[in-house]
Amino acid sequence: MNARLLEKEGFAGLLLKLRGEGISDTALLSAMEQTPRTAFLSATHADAAYEDRLLPIDCGQFAESAALVARVLYLTGLAAGQRVLDIGTGTGFLAGVVGRIAERVLTIDRFKTLTTLAQRRYQHLGLANVVARQGDAIKGVPGEGTFDRIISTAAFESIPRHYVDHLVTEGVMVAPIRDKDGVIRLSRLTKIGSRFEREDFFPVPYLPLIEGQAAAL
């Protein structure tokens, strides 16, 4: 099956699934349709681009399903004009979708290989407002100012309270956080004053955040 037909059929199936879950955000669904999932995966896994499972990528990491990307972004409440920080670039697909909606996106990952590949994909797709950079998410992104939204696909052991300073007032951070039972759940953290108001949602398969930048990859 050629890539264009794979994208068309894959997205059609994804759309039915998401609408069945009550996800009908027109801007989000349009952004996903405009961002070819197969462009962010190796040829080996292109046929599985829209399957609801994890797919291996470079540096021993994995790509979450397109459906999970949609669920995460739906909770984020993206809108035009926003500045967004994405923690955990991976293939770059999630930040690419965000770039179709937001004004500017900065995505960081500890692996230089992943950010380099993602940046090439953004250039190929004409996503000039998305920048991929190697960084240590434990330390945040000093010097980058504040963001309207922060999205993490790397799990925190507890609420990342230092990220409150990276958000505008009433800004939102969506991140996986390990709960008291050891389960990693997706949480939405809304900045109220100088603290976070937390809402917990469903379990997610994201890996724990690791301190530092990868030296070899």
N, C-alpha and C. Protein backbone atom coordinates (compact mmCIF):
# COMPACT_ATOMS: atom_id res chain seq x y z
N MET A 1 0.85 -1.20 0.00
CA MET A 1 0.00 0.00 0.00
C MET A 1 0.88 1.25 0.00
N ASN A 2 0.58 2.22 -0.88
CA ASN A 2 1.42 3.41 -0.91
C ASN A 2 1.12 4.32 0.29
N ALA A 3 2.07 5.23 0.55
CA ALA A 3 1.99 6.07 1.76
C ALA A 3 0.73 6.92 1.79
N ARG A 4 0.33 7.47 0.65
CA ARG A 4 -0.84 8.35 0.64
C ARG A 4 -2.12 7.58 0.99
N LEU A 5 -2.27 6.39 0.43
CA LEU A 5 -3.45 5.58 0.73
C LEU A 5 -3.42 5.11 2.18
N LEU A 6 -2.22 4.77 2.66
CA LEU A 6 -2.06 4.34 4.05
C LEU A 6 -2.48 5.45 5.00
N GLU A 7 -2.07 6.67 4.69
CA GLU A 7 -2.44 7.82 5.51
C GLU A 7 -3.96 8.03 5.49
N LYS A 8 -4.55 7.98 4.31
CA LYS A 8 -5.98 8.23 4.17
C LYS A 8 -6.80 7.21 4.95
N GLU A 9 -6.49 5.93 4.77
CA GLU A 9 -7.24 4.88 5.45
C GLU A 9 -6.95 4.88 6.96
N GLY A 10 -5.68 5.11 7.29
CA GLY A 10 -5.31 5.11 8.71
C GLY A 10 -5.97 6.23 9.47
N PHE A 11 -5.98 7.43 8.88
CA PHE A 11 -6.59 8.56 9.56
C PHE A 11 -8.10 8.40 9.67
N ALA A 12 -8.70 7.81 8.65
CA ALA A 12 -10.16 7.59 8.69
C ALA A 12 -10.53 6.71 9.87
N GLY A 13 -9.75 5.65 10.08
CA GLY A 13 -10.00 4.77 11.22
C GLY A 13 -9.76 5.47 12.54
N LEU A 14 -8.70 6.29 12.60
CA LEU A 14 -8.40 7.06 13.81
C LEU A 14 -9.53 8.03 14.12
N LEU A 15 -10.04 8.69 13.10
CA LEU A 15 -11.12 9.66 13.28
C LEU A 15 -12.36 9.01 13.88
N LEU A 16 -12.71 7.84 13.40
CA LEU A 16 -13.87 7.13 13.95
C LEU A 16 -13.65 6.79 15.42
N LYS A 17 -12.44 6.32 15.73
CA LYS A 17 -12.11 5.96 17.12
C LYS A 17 -12.21 7.17 18.04
N LEU A 18 -11.62 8.28 17.62
CA LEU A 18 -11.59 9.47 18.47
C LEU A 18 -12.98 10.06 18.66
N ARG A 19 -13.76 10.09 17.60
CA ARG A 19 -15.13 10.61 17.74
C ARG A 19 -15.96 9.72 18.65
N GLY A 20 -15.67 8.43 18.62
CA GLY A 20 -16.34 7.50 19.53
C GLY A 20 -15.99 7.77 20.98
N GLU A 21 -14.82 8.36 21.21
CA GLU A 21 -14.38 8.71 22.56
C GLU A 21 -14.81 10.12 22.96
N GLY A 22 -15.50 10.81 22.05
CA GLY A 22 -15.96 12.16 22.35
C GLY A 22 -14.97 13.25 22.00
N ILE A 23 -13.91 12.89 21.27
CA ILE A 23 -12.92 13.88 20.85
C ILE A 23 -13.32 14.41 19.48
N SER A 24 -13.82 15.63 19.46
CA SER A 24 -14.34 16.20 18.21
C SER A 24 -13.78 17.59 17.96
N ASP A 25 -12.65 17.92 18.59
CA ASP A 25 -12.00 19.21 18.41
C ASP A 25 -11.57 19.36 16.95
N THR A 26 -12.24 20.23 16.21
CA THR A 26 -12.00 20.37 14.78
C THR A 26 -10.56 20.78 14.47
N ALA A 27 -10.03 21.74 15.22
CA ALA A 27 -8.66 22.22 14.97
C ALA A 27 -7.66 21.10 15.20
N LEU A 28 -7.84 20.33 16.25
CA LEU A 28 -6.93 19.22 16.56
C LEU A 28 -6.99 18.14 15.49
N LEU A 29 -8.19 17.73 15.13
CA LEU A 29 -8.34 16.67 14.13
C LEU A 29 -7.80 17.11 12.78
N SER A 30 -8.01 18.37 12.43
CA SER A 30 -7.49 18.90 11.17
C SER A 30 -5.96 18.91 11.18
N ALA A 31 -5.38 19.30 12.32
CA ALA A 31 -3.92 19.34 12.45
C ALA A 31 -3.32 17.95 12.32
N MET A 32 -3.99 16.95 12.86
CA MET A 32 -3.50 15.58 12.75
C MET A 32 -3.61 15.08 11.32
N GLU A 33 -4.69 15.46 10.64
CA GLU A 33 -4.86 15.03 9.25
C GLU A 33 -3.78 15.65 8.35
N GLN A 34 -3.37 16.88 8.68
CA GLN A 34 -2.38 17.59 7.87
C GLN A 34 -0.94 17.15 8.17
N THR A 35 -0.76 16.35 9.21
CA THR A 35 0.59 15.94 9.62
C THR A 35 0.74 14.44 9.37
N PRO A 36 1.33 14.05 8.25
CA PRO A 36 1.40 12.63 7.89
C PRO A 36 2.20 11.81 8.90
N ARG A 37 1.52 10.90 9.55
CA ARG A 37 2.15 10.06 10.57
C ARG A 37 3.30 9.23 10.00
N THR A 38 3.14 8.75 8.77
CA THR A 38 4.16 7.90 8.17
C THR A 38 5.48 8.65 7.95
N ALA A 39 5.41 9.98 7.85
CA ALA A 39 6.63 10.77 7.65
C ALA A 39 7.51 10.78 8.89
N PHE A 40 6.98 10.32 10.02
CA PHE A 40 7.71 10.35 11.28
C PHE A 40 8.15 8.95 11.73
N LEU A 41 7.95 7.97 10.88
CA LEU A 41 8.32 6.59 11.22
C LEU A 41 9.21 6.01 10.14
N SER A 42 9.98 4.99 10.51
CA SER A 42 10.81 4.31 9.53
C SER A 42 9.92 3.51 8.58
N ALA A 43 10.47 3.18 7.42
CA ALA A 43 9.71 2.41 6.43
C ALA A 43 9.28 1.07 7.00
N THR A 44 10.07 0.54 7.93
CA THR A 44 9.76 -0.76 8.54
C THR A 44 8.43 -0.73 9.29
N HIS A 45 8.11 0.41 9.88
CA HIS A 45 6.91 0.49 10.72
C HIS A 45 5.80 1.35 10.12
N ALA A 46 5.99 1.80 8.89
CA ALA A 46 4.99 2.68 8.26
C ALA A 46 3.61 2.04 8.18
N ASP A 47 3.57 0.74 7.92
CA ASP A 47 2.27 0.05 7.80
C ASP A 47 1.50 0.04 9.12
N ALA A 48 2.23 0.23 10.24
CA ALA A 48 1.59 0.21 11.56
C ALA A 48 1.38 1.62 12.11
N ALA A 49 1.48 2.61 11.23
CA ALA A 49 1.44 4.01 11.67
C ALA A 49 0.22 4.36 12.49
N TYR A 50 -0.92 3.76 12.18
CA TYR A 50 -2.17 4.12 12.87
C TYR A 50 -2.70 3.01 13.77
N GLU A 51 -1.87 2.01 14.02
CA GLU A 51 -2.28 0.97 14.96
C GLU A 51 -2.17 1.50 16.39
N ASP A 52 -3.03 1.03 17.26
CA ASP A 52 -3.07 1.54 18.63
C ASP A 52 -2.08 0.76 19.50
N ARG A 53 -0.79 0.95 19.21
CA ARG A 53 0.27 0.28 19.97
C ARG A 53 1.56 1.08 19.88
N LEU A 54 2.51 0.73 20.75
CA LEU A 54 3.80 1.39 20.75
C LEU A 54 4.66 0.85 19.62
N LEU A 55 5.48 1.74 19.03
CA LEU A 55 6.36 1.34 17.94
C LEU A 55 7.80 1.75 18.29
N PRO A 56 8.77 0.86 18.08
CA PRO A 56 10.16 1.19 18.40
C PRO A 56 10.73 2.25 17.45
N ILE A 57 11.55 3.14 18.01
CA ILE A 57 12.24 4.16 17.21
C ILE A 57 13.71 4.17 17.62
N ASP A 58 14.47 5.12 17.12
CA ASP A 58 15.89 5.21 17.44
C ASP A 58 16.14 5.44 18.93
N CYS A 59 17.37 5.17 19.35
CA CYS A 59 17.86 5.43 20.70
C CYS A 59 17.14 4.60 21.77
N GLY A 60 16.57 3.46 21.37
CA GLY A 60 15.91 2.59 22.32
C GLY A 60 14.60 3.13 22.87
N GLN A 61 14.05 4.12 22.19
CA GLN A 61 12.80 4.74 22.63
C GLN A 61 11.62 4.17 21.84
N PHE A 62 10.44 4.70 22.07
CA PHE A 62 9.27 4.23 21.34
C PHE A 62 8.37 5.41 20.98
N ALA A 63 7.54 5.18 19.97
CA ALA A 63 6.52 6.17 19.58
C ALA A 63 5.18 5.69 20.11
N GLU A 64 4.47 6.57 20.80
CA GLU A 64 3.13 6.24 21.24
C GLU A 64 2.21 6.22 20.03
N SER A 65 1.02 5.67 20.18
CA SER A 65 0.07 5.60 19.07
C SER A 65 -0.46 6.99 18.73
N ALA A 66 -0.94 7.14 17.51
CA ALA A 66 -1.55 8.40 17.09
C ALA A 66 -2.77 8.70 17.96
N ALA A 67 -3.48 7.66 18.36
CA ALA A 67 -4.66 7.85 19.22
C ALA A 67 -4.27 8.43 20.57
N LEU A 68 -3.16 7.96 21.13
CA LEU A 68 -2.72 8.50 22.42
C LEU A 68 -2.25 9.94 22.26
N VAL A 69 -1.58 10.25 21.17
CA VAL A 69 -1.19 11.64 20.91
C VAL A 69 -2.43 12.53 20.91
N ALA A 70 -3.49 12.09 20.26
CA ALA A 70 -4.72 12.87 20.20
C ALA A 70 -5.32 13.05 21.59
N ARG A 71 -5.31 11.99 22.39
CA ARG A 71 -5.88 12.08 23.74
C ARG A 71 -5.10 13.07 24.60
N VAL A 72 -3.78 13.03 24.49
CA VAL A 72 -2.93 13.96 25.25
C VAL A 72 -3.21 15.40 24.82
N LEU A 73 -3.22 15.64 23.52
CA LEU A 73 -3.41 17.00 23.03
C LEU A 73 -4.80 17.53 23.30
N TYR A 74 -5.79 16.66 23.32
CA TYR A 74 -7.16 17.07 23.62
C TYR A 74 -7.25 17.66 25.03
N LEU A 75 -6.53 17.04 25.96
CA LEU A 75 -6.53 17.53 27.34
C LEU A 75 -5.75 18.83 27.50
N THR A 76 -4.87 19.09 26.54
CA THR A 76 -4.00 20.26 26.64
C THR A 76 -4.74 21.56 26.35
N GLY A 77 -5.75 21.50 25.48
CA GLY A 77 -6.51 22.71 25.16
C GLY A 77 -5.71 23.68 24.31
N LEU A 78 -5.20 23.20 23.19
CA LEU A 78 -4.39 24.02 22.30
C LEU A 78 -5.24 25.05 21.58
N ALA A 79 -4.61 26.20 21.28
CA ALA A 79 -5.30 27.26 20.53
C ALA A 79 -4.29 28.07 19.74
N ALA A 80 -4.76 28.73 18.73
CA ALA A 80 -3.89 29.58 17.91
C ALA A 80 -3.26 30.67 18.78
N GLY A 81 -2.02 31.03 18.44
CA GLY A 81 -1.33 32.10 19.15
C GLY A 81 -0.54 31.66 20.37
N GLN A 82 -0.63 30.41 20.74
CA GLN A 82 0.05 29.93 21.95
C GLN A 82 1.51 29.59 21.69
N ARG A 83 2.32 29.71 22.74
CA ARG A 83 3.69 29.20 22.75
C ARG A 83 3.68 27.91 23.54
N VAL A 84 4.25 26.86 22.97
CA VAL A 84 4.16 25.53 23.57
C VAL A 84 5.53 24.91 23.73
N LEU A 85 5.75 24.28 24.88
CA LEU A 85 6.95 23.50 25.14
C LEU A 85 6.57 22.03 25.16
N ASP A 86 7.31 21.22 24.39
CA ASP A 86 7.08 19.77 24.34
C ASP A 86 8.31 19.08 24.90
N ILE A 87 8.13 18.29 25.94
CA ILE A 87 9.23 17.57 26.58
C ILE A 87 9.20 16.12 26.14
N GLY A 88 10.24 15.68 25.44
CA GLY A 88 10.29 14.32 24.93
C GLY A 88 9.93 14.28 23.46
N THR A 89 10.84 14.70 22.61
CA THR A 89 10.57 14.84 21.18
C THR A 89 10.15 13.54 20.52
N GLY A 90 10.89 12.45 20.83
CA GLY A 90 10.61 11.18 20.18
C GLY A 90 10.74 11.30 18.67
N THR A 91 9.74 10.88 17.92
CA THR A 91 9.77 11.01 16.46
C THR A 91 9.57 12.45 16.02
N GLY A 92 8.97 13.26 16.89
CA GLY A 92 8.64 14.63 16.54
C GLY A 92 7.20 14.81 16.09
N PHE A 93 6.45 13.72 16.02
CA PHE A 93 5.08 13.78 15.51
C PHE A 93 4.19 14.67 16.37
N LEU A 94 4.22 14.48 17.68
CA LEU A 94 3.34 15.26 18.55
C LEU A 94 3.59 16.75 18.38
N ALA A 95 4.86 17.16 18.43
CA ALA A 95 5.17 18.59 18.28
C ALA A 95 4.80 19.09 16.89
N GLY A 96 4.90 18.21 15.89
CA GLY A 96 4.50 18.59 14.54
C GLY A 96 3.02 18.90 14.46
N VAL A 97 2.20 18.09 15.10
CA VAL A 97 0.76 18.35 15.14
C VAL A 97 0.48 19.67 15.87
N VAL A 98 1.16 19.86 17.00
CA VAL A 98 0.98 21.10 17.76
C VAL A 98 1.33 22.32 16.90
N GLY A 99 2.37 22.17 16.08
CA GLY A 99 2.81 23.27 15.23
C GLY A 99 1.78 23.70 14.21
N ARG A 100 0.83 22.83 13.89
CA ARG A 100 -0.25 23.22 12.96
C ARG A 100 -1.27 24.14 13.64
N ILE A 101 -1.23 24.19 14.96
CA ILE A 101 -2.23 24.96 15.72
C ILE A 101 -1.58 26.17 16.41
N ALA A 102 -0.51 25.92 17.15
CA ALA A 102 0.12 26.95 17.98
C ALA A 102 1.00 27.89 17.15
N GLU A 103 1.39 28.99 17.76
CA GLU A 103 2.24 29.97 17.08
C GLU A 103 3.69 29.51 17.03
N ARG A 104 4.18 28.96 18.16
CA ARG A 104 5.57 28.50 18.22
C ARG A 104 5.65 27.29 19.12
N VAL A 105 6.49 26.32 18.73
CA VAL A 105 6.68 25.12 19.52
C VAL A 105 8.18 24.86 19.70
N LEU A 106 8.58 24.66 20.93
CA LEU A 106 9.94 24.21 21.24
C LEU A 106 9.83 22.80 21.79
N THR A 107 10.50 21.84 21.14
CA THR A 107 10.49 20.47 21.63
C THR A 107 11.90 20.07 22.00
N ILE A 108 12.06 19.46 23.17
CA ILE A 108 13.39 19.07 23.64
C ILE A 108 13.43 17.58 23.96
N ASP A 109 14.62 17.01 23.79
CA ASP A 109 14.83 15.59 24.09
C ASP A 109 16.28 15.42 24.51
N ARG A 110 16.56 14.42 25.34
CA ARG A 110 17.93 14.19 25.79
C ARG A 110 18.78 13.56 24.70
N PHE A 111 18.16 13.04 23.64
CA PHE A 111 18.90 12.40 22.56
C PHE A 111 19.04 13.33 21.36
N LYS A 112 20.27 13.65 21.02
CA LYS A 112 20.56 14.52 19.88
C LYS A 112 20.07 13.89 18.57
N THR A 113 20.21 12.57 18.45
CA THR A 113 19.76 11.87 17.25
C THR A 113 18.29 12.15 16.97
N LEU A 114 17.46 12.08 18.01
CA LEU A 114 16.03 12.27 17.84
C LEU A 114 15.67 13.71 17.46
N THR A 115 16.33 14.68 18.10
CA THR A 115 16.01 16.07 17.77
C THR A 115 16.48 16.43 16.36
N THR A 116 17.61 15.86 15.94
CA THR A 116 18.11 16.12 14.59
C THR A 116 17.16 15.56 13.53
N LEU A 117 16.72 14.32 13.74
CA LEU A 117 15.78 13.70 12.80
C LEU A 117 14.46 14.46 12.77
N ALA A 118 13.98 14.86 13.95
CA ALA A 118 12.71 15.60 14.01
C ALA A 118 12.82 16.92 13.27
N GLN A 119 13.92 17.63 13.46
CA GLN A 119 14.09 18.92 12.79
C GLN A 119 14.08 18.77 11.28
N ARG A 120 14.68 17.71 10.79
CA ARG A 120 14.66 17.45 9.34
C ARG A 120 13.23 17.22 8.85
N ARG A 121 12.45 16.51 9.65
CA ARG A 121 11.06 16.25 9.28
C ARG A 121 10.25 17.54 9.26
N TYR A 122 10.49 18.43 10.22
CA TYR A 122 9.77 19.71 10.25
C TYR A 122 10.12 20.55 9.03
N GLN A 123 11.38 20.55 8.67
CA GLN A 123 11.81 21.30 7.49
C GLN A 123 11.16 20.74 6.23
N HIS A 124 11.10 19.43 6.13
CA HIS A 124 10.50 18.78 4.97
C HIS A 124 9.02 19.12 4.84
N LEU A 125 8.34 19.25 5.98
CA LEU A 125 6.91 19.52 5.99
C LEU A 125 6.59 21.02 6.04
N GLY A 126 7.62 21.85 6.06
CA GLY A 126 7.41 23.29 6.08
C GLY A 126 6.93 23.83 7.42
N LEU A 127 7.26 23.13 8.51
CA LEU A 127 6.84 23.57 9.84
C LEU A 127 7.94 24.44 10.45
N ALA A 128 8.04 25.67 9.96
CA ALA A 128 9.11 26.56 10.39
C ALA A 128 8.94 27.07 11.82
N ASN A 129 7.76 26.92 12.38
CA ASN A 129 7.50 27.40 13.74
C ASN A 129 7.78 26.35 14.82
N VAL A 130 8.31 25.19 14.42
CA VAL A 130 8.64 24.13 15.37
C VAL A 130 10.16 23.95 15.41
N VAL A 131 10.74 24.04 16.61
CA VAL A 131 12.18 23.91 16.78
C VAL A 131 12.48 22.75 17.72
N ALA A 132 13.35 21.84 17.28
CA ALA A 132 13.76 20.70 18.11
C ALA A 132 15.17 20.95 18.63
N ARG A 133 15.36 20.71 19.92
CA ARG A 133 16.65 21.01 20.54
C ARG A 133 16.98 19.97 21.61
N GLN A 134 18.23 19.56 21.68
CA GLN A 134 18.65 18.66 22.75
C GLN A 134 18.67 19.42 24.07
N GLY A 135 18.16 18.80 25.12
CA GLY A 135 18.14 19.48 26.40
C GLY A 135 17.87 18.53 27.55
N ASP A 136 18.07 19.03 28.76
CA ASP A 136 17.83 18.27 29.99
C ASP A 136 16.55 18.78 30.62
N ALA A 137 15.47 18.03 30.47
CA ALA A 137 14.16 18.50 30.93
C ALA A 137 14.08 18.62 32.44
N ILE A 138 14.93 17.91 33.16
CA ILE A 138 14.94 18.03 34.62
C ILE A 138 15.22 19.48 35.03
N LYS A 139 16.07 20.14 34.24
CA LYS A 139 16.47 21.51 34.56
C LYS A 139 15.53 22.55 33.97
N GLY A 140 14.57 22.12 33.16
CA GLY A 140 13.69 23.07 32.52
C GLY A 140 14.35 23.70 31.31
N VAL A 141 13.87 24.86 30.90
CA VAL A 141 14.42 25.55 29.73
C VAL A 141 14.68 27.01 30.09
N PRO A 142 15.70 27.25 30.90
CA PRO A 142 16.01 28.63 31.29
C PRO A 142 16.32 29.51 30.09
N GLY A 143 15.84 30.75 30.16
CA GLY A 143 16.09 31.69 29.09
C GLY A 143 15.07 31.67 27.97
N GLU A 144 14.09 30.77 28.05
CA GLU A 144 13.09 30.66 26.99
C GLU A 144 11.79 31.40 27.32
N GLY A 145 11.74 32.05 28.46
CA GLY A 145 10.53 32.77 28.82
C GLY A 145 9.43 31.83 29.28
N THR A 146 8.18 32.28 29.14
CA THR A 146 7.05 31.47 29.59
C THR A 146 6.27 30.91 28.40
N PHE A 147 5.52 29.85 28.71
CA PHE A 147 4.72 29.16 27.69
C PHE A 147 3.26 29.14 28.11
N ASP A 148 2.38 29.05 27.12
CA ASP A 148 0.95 28.91 27.40
C ASP A 148 0.60 27.46 27.73
N ARG A 149 1.34 26.54 27.11
CA ARG A 149 1.11 25.12 27.33
C ARG A 149 2.45 24.39 27.38
N ILE A 150 2.52 23.39 28.27
CA ILE A 150 3.67 22.50 28.33
C ILE A 150 3.14 21.07 28.26
N ILE A 151 3.74 20.27 27.40
CA ILE A 151 3.34 18.88 27.24
C ILE A 151 4.55 18.00 27.48
N SER A 152 4.43 17.00 28.32
CA SER A 152 5.53 16.07 28.54
C SER A 152 5.09 14.65 28.22
N THR A 153 5.94 13.94 27.50
CA THR A 153 5.69 12.51 27.27
C THR A 153 6.78 11.69 27.96
N ALA A 154 7.38 12.29 28.97
CA ALA A 154 8.29 11.60 29.87
C ALA A 154 7.72 11.76 31.27
N ALA A 155 7.74 10.69 32.05
CA ALA A 155 7.03 10.67 33.33
C ALA A 155 7.84 11.26 34.48
N PHE A 156 7.18 12.04 35.30
CA PHE A 156 7.77 12.61 36.50
C PHE A 156 7.41 11.76 37.71
N GLU A 157 8.31 11.72 38.69
CA GLU A 157 8.06 10.97 39.92
C GLU A 157 7.09 11.70 40.85
N SER A 158 6.99 12.99 40.69
CA SER A 158 6.07 13.81 41.48
C SER A 158 5.74 15.06 40.67
N ILE A 159 4.85 15.89 41.19
CA ILE A 159 4.48 17.11 40.46
C ILE A 159 5.73 17.96 40.22
N PRO A 160 6.03 18.30 38.98
CA PRO A 160 7.22 19.11 38.66
C PRO A 160 6.97 20.59 38.98
N ARG A 161 7.04 20.90 40.27
CA ARG A 161 6.63 22.23 40.73
C ARG A 161 7.47 23.36 40.12
N HIS A 162 8.73 23.07 39.77
CA HIS A 162 9.57 24.14 39.21
C HIS A 162 9.08 24.59 37.83
N TYR A 163 8.26 23.77 37.18
CA TYR A 163 7.75 24.16 35.86
C TYR A 163 6.65 25.21 35.95
N VAL A 164 6.17 25.48 37.14
CA VAL A 164 5.14 26.51 37.28
C VAL A 164 5.68 27.86 36.81
N ASP A 165 7.00 28.07 36.97
CA ASP A 165 7.61 29.33 36.56
C ASP A 165 7.75 29.45 35.04
N HIS A 166 7.58 28.34 34.34
CA HIS A 166 7.67 28.35 32.87
C HIS A 166 6.31 28.60 32.21
N LEU A 167 5.26 28.73 33.03
CA LEU A 167 3.91 28.91 32.49
C LEU A 167 3.37 30.31 32.74
N VAL A 168 2.55 30.78 31.82
CA VAL A 168 1.81 32.02 32.05
C VAL A 168 0.71 31.74 33.07
N THR A 169 0.11 32.78 33.61
CA THR A 169 -1.00 32.61 34.54
C THR A 169 -2.14 31.85 33.86
N GLU A 170 -2.65 30.83 34.54
CA GLU A 170 -3.68 29.92 34.04
C GLU A 170 -3.18 29.07 32.87
N GLY A 171 -1.86 29.02 32.70
CA GLY A 171 -1.29 28.12 31.71
C GLY A 171 -1.46 26.68 32.15
N VAL A 172 -1.32 25.75 31.21
CA VAL A 172 -1.58 24.34 31.48
C VAL A 172 -0.37 23.48 31.13
N MET A 173 -0.06 22.55 32.01
CA MET A 173 0.95 21.53 31.74
C MET A 173 0.28 20.17 31.81
N VAL A 174 0.44 19.37 30.75
CA VAL A 174 -0.07 18.00 30.73
C VAL A 174 1.13 17.08 30.78
N ALA A 175 1.18 16.21 31.78
CA ALA A 175 2.36 15.37 31.98
C ALA A 175 2.00 14.07 32.67
N PRO A 176 2.75 12.99 32.40
CA PRO A 176 2.57 11.74 33.14
C PRO A 176 3.25 11.87 34.50
N ILE A 177 2.56 11.45 35.54
CA ILE A 177 3.12 11.51 36.90
C ILE A 177 2.84 10.19 37.60
N ARG A 178 3.85 9.66 38.29
CA ARG A 178 3.67 8.41 39.03
C ARG A 178 2.85 8.68 40.28
N ASP A 179 1.77 7.90 40.47
CA ASP A 179 0.94 8.11 41.66
C ASP A 179 1.44 7.26 42.82
N LYS A 180 0.76 7.34 43.96
CA LYS A 180 1.23 6.66 45.17
C LYS A 180 1.22 5.15 45.04
N ASP A 181 0.46 4.63 44.07
CA ASP A 181 0.42 3.18 43.85
C ASP A 181 1.42 2.72 42.79
N GLY A 182 2.23 3.67 42.31
CA GLY A 182 3.24 3.33 41.32
C GLY A 182 2.76 3.37 39.89
N VAL A 183 1.51 3.72 39.68
CA VAL A 183 0.93 3.78 38.33
C VAL A 183 1.22 5.16 37.72
N ILE A 184 1.68 5.18 36.47
CA ILE A 184 1.92 6.44 35.79
C ILE A 184 0.64 6.87 35.09
N ARG A 185 0.11 8.01 35.51
CA ARG A 185 -1.14 8.52 34.95
C ARG A 185 -0.91 9.88 34.32
N LEU A 186 -1.70 10.17 33.31
CA LEU A 186 -1.62 11.49 32.69
C LEU A 186 -2.34 12.48 33.60
N SER A 187 -1.68 13.59 33.87
CA SER A 187 -2.26 14.62 34.73
C SER A 187 -2.28 15.95 34.01
N ARG A 188 -3.27 16.77 34.36
CA ARG A 188 -3.32 18.14 33.84
C ARG A 188 -3.11 19.09 35.00
N LEU A 189 -2.07 19.93 34.88
CA LEU A 189 -1.70 20.86 35.93
C LEU A 189 -1.96 22.28 35.44
N THR A 190 -2.84 22.98 36.12
CA THR A 190 -3.20 24.35 35.73
C THR A 190 -2.57 25.32 36.72
N LYS A 191 -1.88 26.33 36.21
CA LYS A 191 -1.22 27.30 37.09
C LYS A 191 -2.24 28.27 37.68
N ILE A 192 -2.35 28.22 38.98
CA ILE A 192 -3.21 29.14 39.73
C ILE A 192 -2.31 29.89 40.71
N GLY A 193 -2.10 31.16 40.46
CA GLY A 193 -1.16 31.91 41.30
C GLY A 193 0.25 31.37 41.09
N SER A 194 0.85 30.87 42.18
CA SER A 194 2.20 30.32 42.09
C SER A 194 2.22 28.81 42.33
N ARG A 195 1.05 28.18 42.14
CA ARG A 195 0.97 26.73 42.39
C ARG A 195 0.20 26.06 41.25
N PHE A 196 0.18 24.73 41.33
CA PHE A 196 -0.56 23.93 40.35
C PHE A 196 -1.85 23.38 40.95
N GLU A 197 -2.91 23.41 40.15
CA GLU A 197 -4.13 22.68 40.48
C GLU A 197 -4.12 21.43 39.62
N ARG A 198 -4.23 20.26 40.22
CA ARG A 198 -4.00 18.99 39.53
C ARG A 198 -5.29 18.21 39.27
N GLU A 199 -5.38 17.65 38.06
CA GLU A 199 -6.46 16.73 37.68
C GLU A 199 -5.79 15.47 37.10
N ASP A 200 -6.19 14.31 37.57
CA ASP A 200 -5.62 13.05 37.08
C ASP A 200 -6.58 12.35 36.12
N PHE A 201 -6.00 11.69 35.11
CA PHE A 201 -6.80 11.01 34.10
C PHE A 201 -6.39 9.54 33.99
N PHE A 202 -6.04 9.06 32.84
CA PHE A 202 -5.86 7.63 32.59
C PHE A 202 -4.38 7.21 32.64
N PRO A 203 -4.11 5.92 32.87
CA PRO A 203 -2.73 5.41 32.86
C PRO A 203 -2.13 5.53 31.46
N VAL A 204 -0.83 5.80 31.41
CA VAL A 204 -0.13 5.92 30.12
C VAL A 204 1.19 5.13 30.20
N PRO A 205 1.72 4.71 29.03
CA PRO A 205 2.90 3.84 29.02
C PRO A 205 4.22 4.59 28.94
N TYR A 206 4.24 5.87 29.28
CA TYR A 206 5.46 6.66 29.11
C TYR A 206 6.56 6.26 30.10
N LEU A 207 7.80 6.40 29.65
CA LEU A 207 8.96 6.05 30.46
C LEU A 207 9.33 7.21 31.38
N PRO A 208 10.01 6.92 32.51
CA PRO A 208 10.42 7.97 33.44
C PRO A 208 11.40 8.95 32.80
N LEU A 209 11.32 10.19 33.22
CA LEU A 209 12.26 11.21 32.76
C LEU A 209 13.64 10.91 33.34
N ILE A 210 14.66 10.99 32.50
CA ILE A 210 16.03 10.72 32.94
C ILE A 210 16.82 12.02 32.92
N GLU A 211 17.57 12.26 33.96
CA GLU A 211 18.34 13.50 34.08
C GLU A 211 19.52 13.50 33.10
N GLY A 212 19.82 14.69 32.58
CA GLY A 212 20.99 14.87 31.73
C GLY A 212 20.72 14.64 30.26
N GLN A 213 21.70 14.98 29.45
CA GLN A 213 21.63 14.75 28.02
C GLN A 213 22.43 13.50 27.67
N ALA A 214 21.97 12.75 26.68
CA ALA A 214 22.68 11.55 26.26
C ALA A 214 23.98 11.96 25.58
N ALA A 215 25.10 11.37 26.02
CA ALA A 215 26.41 11.77 25.49
C ALA A 215 26.71 11.16 24.13
N ALA A 216 26.24 9.92 23.89
CA ALA A 216 26.63 9.21 22.68
C ALA A 216 25.62 9.26 21.56
N LEU A 217 24.35 9.47 21.87
CA LEU A 217 23.32 9.43 20.83
C LEU A 217 22.72 10.82 20.59
